[in-house]
């Protein structure tokens, strides 16, 4: 039998992003290494307006690294952020820049260990998301309010 210990905090239930186009904020970013130890990656924690949570592993050292990183930066730029001239890559400078930025994402449902789960498939620019012109001022204000920005 367990001894009573008063709970001090209830952890919120994790909600997955729905499939399709979503707006998110990069709540966290950290340098990491794959489980098998041979791939460097930046792990991004993405949060939506309804507290949806998703993760994206930006892997380094493969043919898609630069393309994936450039789409993340384009998505950030399309939210009105000026992209600085820094050496973007597997480094703390990149991690620090990515934290707190708003992005457009596409989410797909995939089976994992027999269960359906949401997976952040890719980052989108404003045109892919369905916004014709670039810049934060072109985003509907209700999107800002929904996301708490």
N, C-alpha and C. Protein backbone atom coordinates (compact mmCIF):
# COMPACT_ATOMS: atom_id res chain seq x y z
N UNK A 1 0.85 -1.17 0.00
CA UNK A 1 0.00 0.00 0.00
C UNK A 1 0.89 1.23 0.00
N UNK A 2 0.49 2.25 -0.72
CA UNK A 2 1.27 3.48 -0.84
C UNK A 2 0.94 4.44 0.28
N UNK A 3 1.92 5.18 0.72
CA UNK A 3 1.71 6.23 1.72
C UNK A 3 1.17 7.46 1.00
N UNK A 4 0.27 8.15 1.67
CA UNK A 4 -0.33 9.35 1.08
C UNK A 4 0.70 10.47 0.97
N UNK A 5 0.72 11.07 -0.21
CA UNK A 5 1.53 12.27 -0.43
C UNK A 5 0.68 13.21 -1.26
N UNK A 6 0.37 14.36 -0.71
CA UNK A 6 -0.52 15.31 -1.38
C UNK A 6 0.06 15.76 -2.72
N UNK A 7 -0.72 15.63 -3.80
CA UNK A 7 -0.23 16.09 -5.11
C UNK A 7 -0.14 17.62 -5.13
N UNK A 8 0.90 18.11 -5.75
CA UNK A 8 1.10 19.56 -5.78
C UNK A 8 0.80 20.17 -7.14
N UNK A 9 0.80 19.35 -8.17
CA UNK A 9 0.57 19.88 -9.51
C UNK A 9 -0.02 18.79 -10.39
N UNK A 10 -1.05 19.15 -11.14
CA UNK A 10 -1.63 18.21 -12.09
C UNK A 10 -1.04 18.52 -13.46
N UNK A 11 -0.44 17.52 -14.07
CA UNK A 11 0.14 17.73 -15.39
C UNK A 11 -0.98 17.75 -16.43
N UNK A 12 -0.95 18.75 -17.33
CA UNK A 12 -1.99 18.82 -18.35
C UNK A 12 -1.87 17.65 -19.32
N UNK A 13 -3.01 17.20 -19.82
CA UNK A 13 -3.02 16.11 -20.77
C UNK A 13 -2.45 16.60 -22.10
N UNK A 14 -1.60 15.81 -22.70
CA UNK A 14 -1.01 16.19 -23.98
C UNK A 14 -2.02 15.94 -25.09
N UNK A 15 -2.22 16.96 -25.92
CA UNK A 15 -3.13 16.88 -27.05
C UNK A 15 -2.29 16.93 -28.32
N UNK A 16 -2.56 16.03 -29.24
CA UNK A 16 -1.82 16.01 -30.50
C UNK A 16 -2.40 17.02 -31.48
N UNK A 17 -1.58 17.50 -32.39
CA UNK A 17 -2.05 18.35 -33.47
C UNK A 17 -2.97 17.54 -34.37
N UNK A 18 -4.03 18.16 -34.90
CA UNK A 18 -4.86 17.46 -35.88
C UNK A 18 -4.10 17.36 -37.21
N UNK A 19 -4.45 16.39 -38.02
CA UNK A 19 -3.83 16.25 -39.33
C UNK A 19 -4.16 17.48 -40.17
N UNK A 20 -3.22 17.88 -41.00
CA UNK A 20 -3.43 19.02 -41.89
C UNK A 20 -2.53 20.19 -41.53
N UNK A 21 -2.92 21.36 -42.02
CA UNK A 21 -2.14 22.58 -41.82
C UNK A 21 -2.41 23.17 -40.45
N UNK A 22 -1.36 23.56 -39.77
CA UNK A 22 -1.47 24.12 -38.42
C UNK A 22 -0.46 25.24 -38.24
N UNK A 23 -0.79 26.16 -37.34
CA UNK A 23 0.19 27.14 -36.88
C UNK A 23 0.70 26.66 -35.54
N UNK A 24 1.96 26.94 -35.28
CA UNK A 24 2.56 26.51 -34.01
C UNK A 24 3.63 27.51 -33.61
N UNK A 25 4.07 27.34 -32.39
CA UNK A 25 5.18 28.13 -31.87
C UNK A 25 6.25 27.14 -31.40
N UNK A 26 7.51 27.44 -31.73
CA UNK A 26 8.61 26.59 -31.27
C UNK A 26 8.86 26.94 -29.81
N UNK A 27 8.31 26.12 -28.93
CA UNK A 27 8.41 26.39 -27.50
C UNK A 27 9.78 25.99 -26.96
N UNK A 28 10.36 24.99 -27.55
CA UNK A 28 11.66 24.53 -27.09
C UNK A 28 12.49 24.00 -28.23
N UNK A 29 13.80 24.12 -28.09
CA UNK A 29 14.74 23.57 -29.07
C UNK A 29 15.99 23.16 -28.31
N UNK A 30 16.54 22.00 -28.66
CA UNK A 30 17.76 21.57 -27.98
C UNK A 30 18.60 20.70 -28.90
N UNK A 31 19.90 20.78 -28.69
CA UNK A 31 20.83 19.93 -29.42
C UNK A 31 20.72 18.52 -28.87
N UNK A 32 20.73 17.53 -29.76
CA UNK A 32 20.59 16.14 -29.32
C UNK A 32 21.34 15.23 -30.29
N UNK A 33 21.37 13.97 -29.95
CA UNK A 33 21.97 12.94 -30.80
C UNK A 33 20.98 11.79 -30.87
N UNK A 34 20.87 11.16 -32.03
CA UNK A 34 19.93 10.05 -32.20
C UNK A 34 20.25 8.92 -31.23
N UNK A 35 19.27 8.06 -31.02
CA UNK A 35 19.43 6.94 -30.07
C UNK A 35 20.60 6.04 -30.43
N UNK A 36 20.84 5.85 -31.72
CA UNK A 36 21.96 4.99 -32.11
C UNK A 36 23.29 5.74 -32.09
N UNK A 37 23.24 7.04 -31.80
CA UNK A 37 24.46 7.82 -31.59
C UNK A 37 25.20 8.29 -32.82
N UNK A 38 24.61 8.11 -34.00
CA UNK A 38 25.34 8.49 -35.21
C UNK A 38 24.79 9.71 -35.95
N UNK A 39 23.72 10.33 -35.42
CA UNK A 39 23.12 11.47 -36.11
C UNK A 39 22.90 12.62 -35.15
N UNK A 40 23.48 13.77 -35.49
CA UNK A 40 23.21 14.99 -34.73
C UNK A 40 21.85 15.53 -35.14
N UNK A 41 21.12 16.10 -34.19
CA UNK A 41 19.82 16.67 -34.50
C UNK A 41 19.46 17.76 -33.51
N UNK A 42 18.58 18.64 -33.97
CA UNK A 42 17.97 19.63 -33.09
C UNK A 42 16.53 19.18 -32.91
N UNK A 43 16.13 18.95 -31.68
CA UNK A 43 14.77 18.53 -31.36
C UNK A 43 13.95 19.78 -31.07
N UNK A 44 12.86 19.94 -31.83
CA UNK A 44 11.97 21.09 -31.67
C UNK A 44 10.68 20.65 -31.00
N UNK A 45 10.26 21.37 -29.97
CA UNK A 45 8.96 21.14 -29.34
C UNK A 45 8.04 22.24 -29.86
N UNK A 46 6.95 21.82 -30.51
CA UNK A 46 6.00 22.74 -31.12
C UNK A 46 4.70 22.72 -30.33
N UNK A 47 4.13 23.91 -30.10
CA UNK A 47 2.89 24.03 -29.34
C UNK A 47 1.90 24.85 -30.15
N UNK A 48 0.64 24.39 -30.18
CA UNK A 48 -0.42 25.08 -30.90
C UNK A 48 -1.30 25.91 -29.99
N UNK A 49 -2.29 26.55 -30.59
CA UNK A 49 -3.17 27.47 -29.86
C UNK A 49 -4.04 26.76 -28.82
N UNK A 50 -4.30 25.48 -29.01
CA UNK A 50 -5.12 24.72 -28.06
C UNK A 50 -4.26 23.80 -27.21
N UNK A 51 -3.01 24.20 -27.03
CA UNK A 51 -2.01 23.44 -26.27
C UNK A 51 -1.67 22.09 -26.90
N UNK A 52 -1.87 21.98 -28.22
CA UNK A 52 -1.42 20.78 -28.91
C UNK A 52 0.10 20.76 -28.82
N UNK A 53 0.65 19.57 -28.80
CA UNK A 53 2.10 19.43 -28.72
C UNK A 53 2.57 18.47 -29.80
N UNK A 54 3.66 18.84 -30.44
CA UNK A 54 4.30 17.98 -31.42
C UNK A 54 5.80 18.18 -31.37
N UNK A 55 6.53 17.22 -31.88
CA UNK A 55 7.99 17.29 -31.88
C UNK A 55 8.49 17.07 -33.30
N UNK A 56 9.60 17.71 -33.60
CA UNK A 56 10.22 17.54 -34.91
C UNK A 56 11.72 17.41 -34.70
N UNK A 57 12.31 16.39 -35.29
CA UNK A 57 13.76 16.18 -35.21
C UNK A 57 14.39 16.67 -36.50
N UNK A 58 15.10 17.79 -36.41
CA UNK A 58 15.85 18.31 -37.55
C UNK A 58 17.20 17.61 -37.55
N UNK A 59 17.35 16.64 -38.45
CA UNK A 59 18.57 15.83 -38.47
C UNK A 59 19.63 16.49 -39.36
N UNK A 60 20.88 16.28 -38.99
CA UNK A 60 22.00 16.87 -39.73
C UNK A 60 22.83 15.77 -40.37
N UNK A 61 23.47 16.13 -41.49
CA UNK A 61 24.35 15.19 -42.16
C UNK A 61 23.69 14.35 -43.23
N UNK A 62 22.50 14.76 -43.69
CA UNK A 62 21.86 14.02 -44.78
C UNK A 62 21.50 14.99 -45.90
N UNK A 63 21.00 14.47 -47.00
CA UNK A 63 20.73 15.29 -48.19
C UNK A 63 19.59 16.29 -47.99
N UNK A 64 18.76 16.11 -46.98
CA UNK A 64 17.61 16.99 -46.76
C UNK A 64 17.84 18.03 -45.66
N UNK A 65 18.97 18.00 -45.01
CA UNK A 65 19.22 18.90 -43.88
C UNK A 65 19.04 20.36 -44.26
N UNK A 66 19.75 20.81 -45.30
CA UNK A 66 19.69 22.22 -45.68
C UNK A 66 18.29 22.63 -46.12
N UNK A 67 17.63 21.79 -46.90
CA UNK A 67 16.27 22.10 -47.36
C UNK A 67 15.32 22.23 -46.17
N UNK A 68 15.35 21.28 -45.26
CA UNK A 68 14.46 21.33 -44.09
C UNK A 68 14.73 22.56 -43.24
N UNK A 69 15.99 22.88 -43.01
CA UNK A 69 16.35 24.06 -42.22
C UNK A 69 15.89 25.33 -42.91
N UNK A 70 16.05 25.42 -44.24
CA UNK A 70 15.64 26.62 -44.97
C UNK A 70 14.12 26.81 -44.92
N UNK A 71 13.35 25.72 -44.95
CA UNK A 71 11.90 25.84 -44.84
C UNK A 71 11.48 26.30 -43.44
N UNK A 72 12.17 25.83 -42.42
CA UNK A 72 11.88 26.31 -41.07
C UNK A 72 12.14 27.81 -41.00
N UNK A 73 13.27 28.25 -41.54
CA UNK A 73 13.61 29.68 -41.52
C UNK A 73 12.64 30.50 -42.37
N UNK A 74 12.22 29.98 -43.53
CA UNK A 74 11.24 30.68 -44.37
C UNK A 74 9.91 30.83 -43.64
N UNK A 75 9.50 29.80 -42.94
CA UNK A 75 8.26 29.85 -42.17
C UNK A 75 8.33 30.92 -41.09
N UNK A 76 9.48 31.00 -40.43
CA UNK A 76 9.69 32.03 -39.40
C UNK A 76 9.68 33.41 -40.04
N UNK A 77 10.37 33.54 -41.18
CA UNK A 77 10.43 34.83 -41.89
C UNK A 77 9.03 35.27 -42.32
N UNK A 78 8.20 34.33 -42.75
CA UNK A 78 6.84 34.66 -43.18
C UNK A 78 5.94 35.08 -42.03
N UNK A 79 6.43 34.97 -40.82
CA UNK A 79 5.73 35.50 -39.64
C UNK A 79 6.29 36.87 -39.26
N UNK A 80 7.10 37.46 -40.15
CA UNK A 80 7.58 38.82 -39.94
C UNK A 80 8.91 38.95 -39.23
N UNK A 81 9.61 37.84 -39.03
CA UNK A 81 10.90 37.88 -38.33
C UNK A 81 12.02 38.01 -39.36
N UNK A 82 12.92 38.94 -39.13
CA UNK A 82 14.09 39.09 -39.99
C UNK A 82 15.08 37.98 -39.64
N UNK A 83 15.52 37.27 -40.66
CA UNK A 83 16.47 36.17 -40.44
C UNK A 83 17.88 36.76 -40.41
N UNK A 84 18.57 36.60 -39.29
CA UNK A 84 19.92 37.18 -39.18
C UNK A 84 20.95 36.41 -40.01
N UNK A 85 22.04 37.06 -40.30
CA UNK A 85 23.12 36.41 -41.04
C UNK A 85 24.05 35.72 -40.05
N UNK A 86 23.64 34.53 -39.66
CA UNK A 86 24.46 33.72 -38.76
C UNK A 86 24.69 32.36 -39.41
N UNK A 87 25.58 31.59 -38.87
CA UNK A 87 25.88 30.26 -39.37
C UNK A 87 24.85 29.28 -38.81
N UNK A 88 23.75 29.08 -39.57
CA UNK A 88 22.72 28.15 -39.12
C UNK A 88 23.23 26.73 -39.31
N UNK A 89 23.10 25.93 -38.28
CA UNK A 89 23.55 24.55 -38.34
C UNK A 89 23.34 23.88 -36.99
N UNK A 90 24.10 22.83 -36.76
CA UNK A 90 24.02 22.10 -35.49
C UNK A 90 24.86 22.85 -34.47
N UNK A 91 24.27 23.91 -33.90
CA UNK A 91 24.98 24.74 -32.93
C UNK A 91 23.99 25.45 -32.01
N UNK A 92 24.49 25.95 -30.90
CA UNK A 92 23.64 26.60 -29.91
C UNK A 92 23.06 27.91 -30.44
N UNK A 93 23.76 28.58 -31.34
CA UNK A 93 23.26 29.82 -31.93
C UNK A 93 21.95 29.58 -32.69
N UNK A 94 21.91 28.49 -33.45
CA UNK A 94 20.69 28.13 -34.18
C UNK A 94 19.57 27.79 -33.20
N UNK A 95 19.87 27.00 -32.20
CA UNK A 95 18.88 26.62 -31.18
C UNK A 95 18.30 27.87 -30.53
N UNK A 96 19.15 28.79 -30.12
CA UNK A 96 18.68 30.02 -29.47
C UNK A 96 17.80 30.84 -30.39
N UNK A 97 18.14 30.91 -31.67
CA UNK A 97 17.33 31.67 -32.61
C UNK A 97 15.95 31.05 -32.79
N UNK A 98 15.87 29.74 -32.89
CA UNK A 98 14.61 29.06 -33.18
C UNK A 98 13.59 29.16 -32.04
N UNK A 99 14.06 29.22 -30.81
CA UNK A 99 13.15 29.22 -29.66
C UNK A 99 12.21 30.42 -29.70
N UNK A 100 10.92 30.11 -29.49
CA UNK A 100 9.92 31.15 -29.39
C UNK A 100 9.36 31.66 -30.71
N UNK A 101 9.80 31.09 -31.82
CA UNK A 101 9.36 31.56 -33.13
C UNK A 101 8.08 30.85 -33.57
N UNK A 102 7.24 31.58 -34.31
CA UNK A 102 6.00 31.03 -34.87
C UNK A 102 6.29 30.43 -36.24
N UNK A 103 5.60 29.34 -36.53
CA UNK A 103 5.82 28.61 -37.79
C UNK A 103 4.51 28.03 -38.31
N UNK A 104 4.52 27.68 -39.59
CA UNK A 104 3.44 26.92 -40.22
C UNK A 104 3.94 25.48 -40.36
N UNK A 105 3.07 24.52 -40.06
CA UNK A 105 3.46 23.11 -40.17
C UNK A 105 2.37 22.29 -40.85
N UNK A 106 2.77 21.17 -41.43
CA UNK A 106 1.83 20.19 -41.94
C UNK A 106 1.97 18.94 -41.08
N UNK A 107 0.85 18.45 -40.59
CA UNK A 107 0.82 17.30 -39.70
C UNK A 107 0.10 16.15 -40.40
N UNK A 108 0.66 14.96 -40.27
CA UNK A 108 0.03 13.76 -40.83
C UNK A 108 -0.18 12.75 -39.70
N UNK A 109 -1.14 11.87 -39.89
CA UNK A 109 -1.39 10.78 -38.93
C UNK A 109 -0.64 9.55 -39.43
N UNK A 110 0.11 8.93 -38.53
CA UNK A 110 0.84 7.71 -38.86
C UNK A 110 0.65 6.71 -37.75
N UNK A 111 0.80 5.44 -38.10
CA UNK A 111 0.71 4.38 -37.08
C UNK A 111 2.07 4.17 -36.46
N UNK A 112 2.09 4.09 -35.14
CA UNK A 112 3.31 3.81 -34.41
C UNK A 112 2.97 2.81 -33.32
N UNK A 113 3.57 1.65 -33.37
CA UNK A 113 3.29 0.57 -32.43
C UNK A 113 1.79 0.29 -32.34
N UNK A 114 1.15 0.28 -33.51
CA UNK A 114 -0.25 -0.05 -33.60
C UNK A 114 -1.23 1.06 -33.27
N UNK A 115 -0.73 2.23 -32.91
CA UNK A 115 -1.61 3.35 -32.55
C UNK A 115 -1.41 4.51 -33.52
N UNK A 116 -2.51 5.18 -33.85
CA UNK A 116 -2.42 6.37 -34.70
C UNK A 116 -1.88 7.53 -33.88
N UNK A 117 -0.92 8.24 -34.47
CA UNK A 117 -0.38 9.41 -33.78
C UNK A 117 -0.07 10.49 -34.80
N UNK A 118 -0.04 11.72 -34.33
CA UNK A 118 0.27 12.85 -35.19
C UNK A 118 1.77 12.99 -35.34
N UNK A 119 2.19 13.34 -36.55
CA UNK A 119 3.62 13.56 -36.81
C UNK A 119 3.78 14.84 -37.61
N UNK A 120 4.66 15.72 -37.16
CA UNK A 120 4.96 16.93 -37.91
C UNK A 120 5.76 16.49 -39.13
N UNK A 121 5.13 16.57 -40.30
CA UNK A 121 5.76 16.09 -41.53
C UNK A 121 6.76 17.10 -42.08
N UNK A 122 6.33 18.38 -42.12
CA UNK A 122 7.20 19.40 -42.69
C UNK A 122 6.75 20.79 -42.27
N UNK A 123 7.66 21.74 -42.45
CA UNK A 123 7.38 23.15 -42.22
C UNK A 123 6.99 23.77 -43.55
N UNK A 124 6.10 24.75 -43.49
CA UNK A 124 5.57 25.37 -44.69
C UNK A 124 5.88 26.85 -44.72
N UNK A 125 5.97 27.40 -45.95
CA UNK A 125 6.04 28.86 -46.06
C UNK A 125 4.61 29.39 -46.15
N UNK A 126 4.46 30.71 -46.20
CA UNK A 126 3.13 31.32 -46.18
C UNK A 126 2.30 30.90 -47.39
N UNK A 127 2.92 30.81 -48.57
CA UNK A 127 2.18 30.41 -49.77
C UNK A 127 1.64 28.99 -49.64
N UNK A 128 2.44 28.09 -49.14
CA UNK A 128 1.99 26.71 -48.95
C UNK A 128 0.89 26.62 -47.90
N UNK A 129 0.94 27.50 -46.92
CA UNK A 129 -0.07 27.51 -45.87
C UNK A 129 -1.38 28.13 -46.38
N UNK A 130 -1.28 28.90 -47.47
CA UNK A 130 -2.47 29.51 -48.05
C UNK A 130 -2.56 31.00 -47.84
N UNK A 131 -1.46 31.62 -47.43
CA UNK A 131 -1.41 33.07 -47.28
C UNK A 131 -0.57 33.58 -48.43
N UNK A 132 -1.16 34.44 -49.27
CA UNK A 132 -0.52 34.83 -50.52
C UNK A 132 0.70 35.73 -50.35
N UNK A 133 0.64 36.68 -49.41
CA UNK A 133 1.74 37.62 -49.28
C UNK A 133 2.52 37.33 -48.02
N UNK A 134 3.79 37.72 -48.03
CA UNK A 134 4.66 37.50 -46.88
C UNK A 134 4.51 38.63 -45.87
N UNK A 135 4.86 38.33 -44.65
CA UNK A 135 4.88 39.35 -43.61
C UNK A 135 3.81 39.13 -42.57
N UNK A 136 4.13 39.45 -41.36
CA UNK A 136 3.23 39.26 -40.23
C UNK A 136 1.95 40.06 -40.38
N UNK A 137 2.05 41.24 -41.00
CA UNK A 137 0.86 42.08 -41.13
C UNK A 137 -0.19 41.45 -42.03
N UNK A 138 0.19 40.45 -42.83
CA UNK A 138 -0.76 39.80 -43.72
C UNK A 138 -1.51 38.66 -43.07
N UNK A 139 -1.10 38.26 -41.88
CA UNK A 139 -1.78 37.17 -41.19
C UNK A 139 -3.05 37.70 -40.53
N UNK A 140 -4.13 36.95 -40.60
CA UNK A 140 -5.35 37.38 -39.93
C UNK A 140 -5.12 37.58 -38.44
N UNK A 141 -5.68 38.66 -37.89
CA UNK A 141 -5.49 38.96 -36.47
C UNK A 141 -6.01 37.84 -35.58
N UNK A 142 -7.07 37.16 -36.00
CA UNK A 142 -7.61 36.10 -35.15
C UNK A 142 -6.60 34.97 -34.97
N UNK A 143 -5.70 34.77 -35.94
CA UNK A 143 -4.66 33.75 -35.76
C UNK A 143 -3.73 34.14 -34.63
N UNK A 144 -3.37 35.42 -34.58
CA UNK A 144 -2.52 35.91 -33.50
C UNK A 144 -3.20 35.68 -32.16
N UNK A 145 -4.49 36.03 -32.09
CA UNK A 145 -5.21 35.90 -30.83
C UNK A 145 -5.35 34.44 -30.42
N UNK A 146 -5.65 33.57 -31.40
CA UNK A 146 -5.79 32.15 -31.10
C UNK A 146 -4.50 31.57 -30.54
N UNK A 147 -3.38 32.04 -31.08
CA UNK A 147 -2.09 31.51 -30.65
C UNK A 147 -1.53 32.25 -29.45
N UNK A 148 -2.21 33.32 -29.02
CA UNK A 148 -1.75 34.06 -27.86
C UNK A 148 -0.53 34.92 -28.13
N UNK A 149 -0.40 35.40 -29.38
CA UNK A 149 0.75 36.24 -29.74
C UNK A 149 0.32 37.70 -29.79
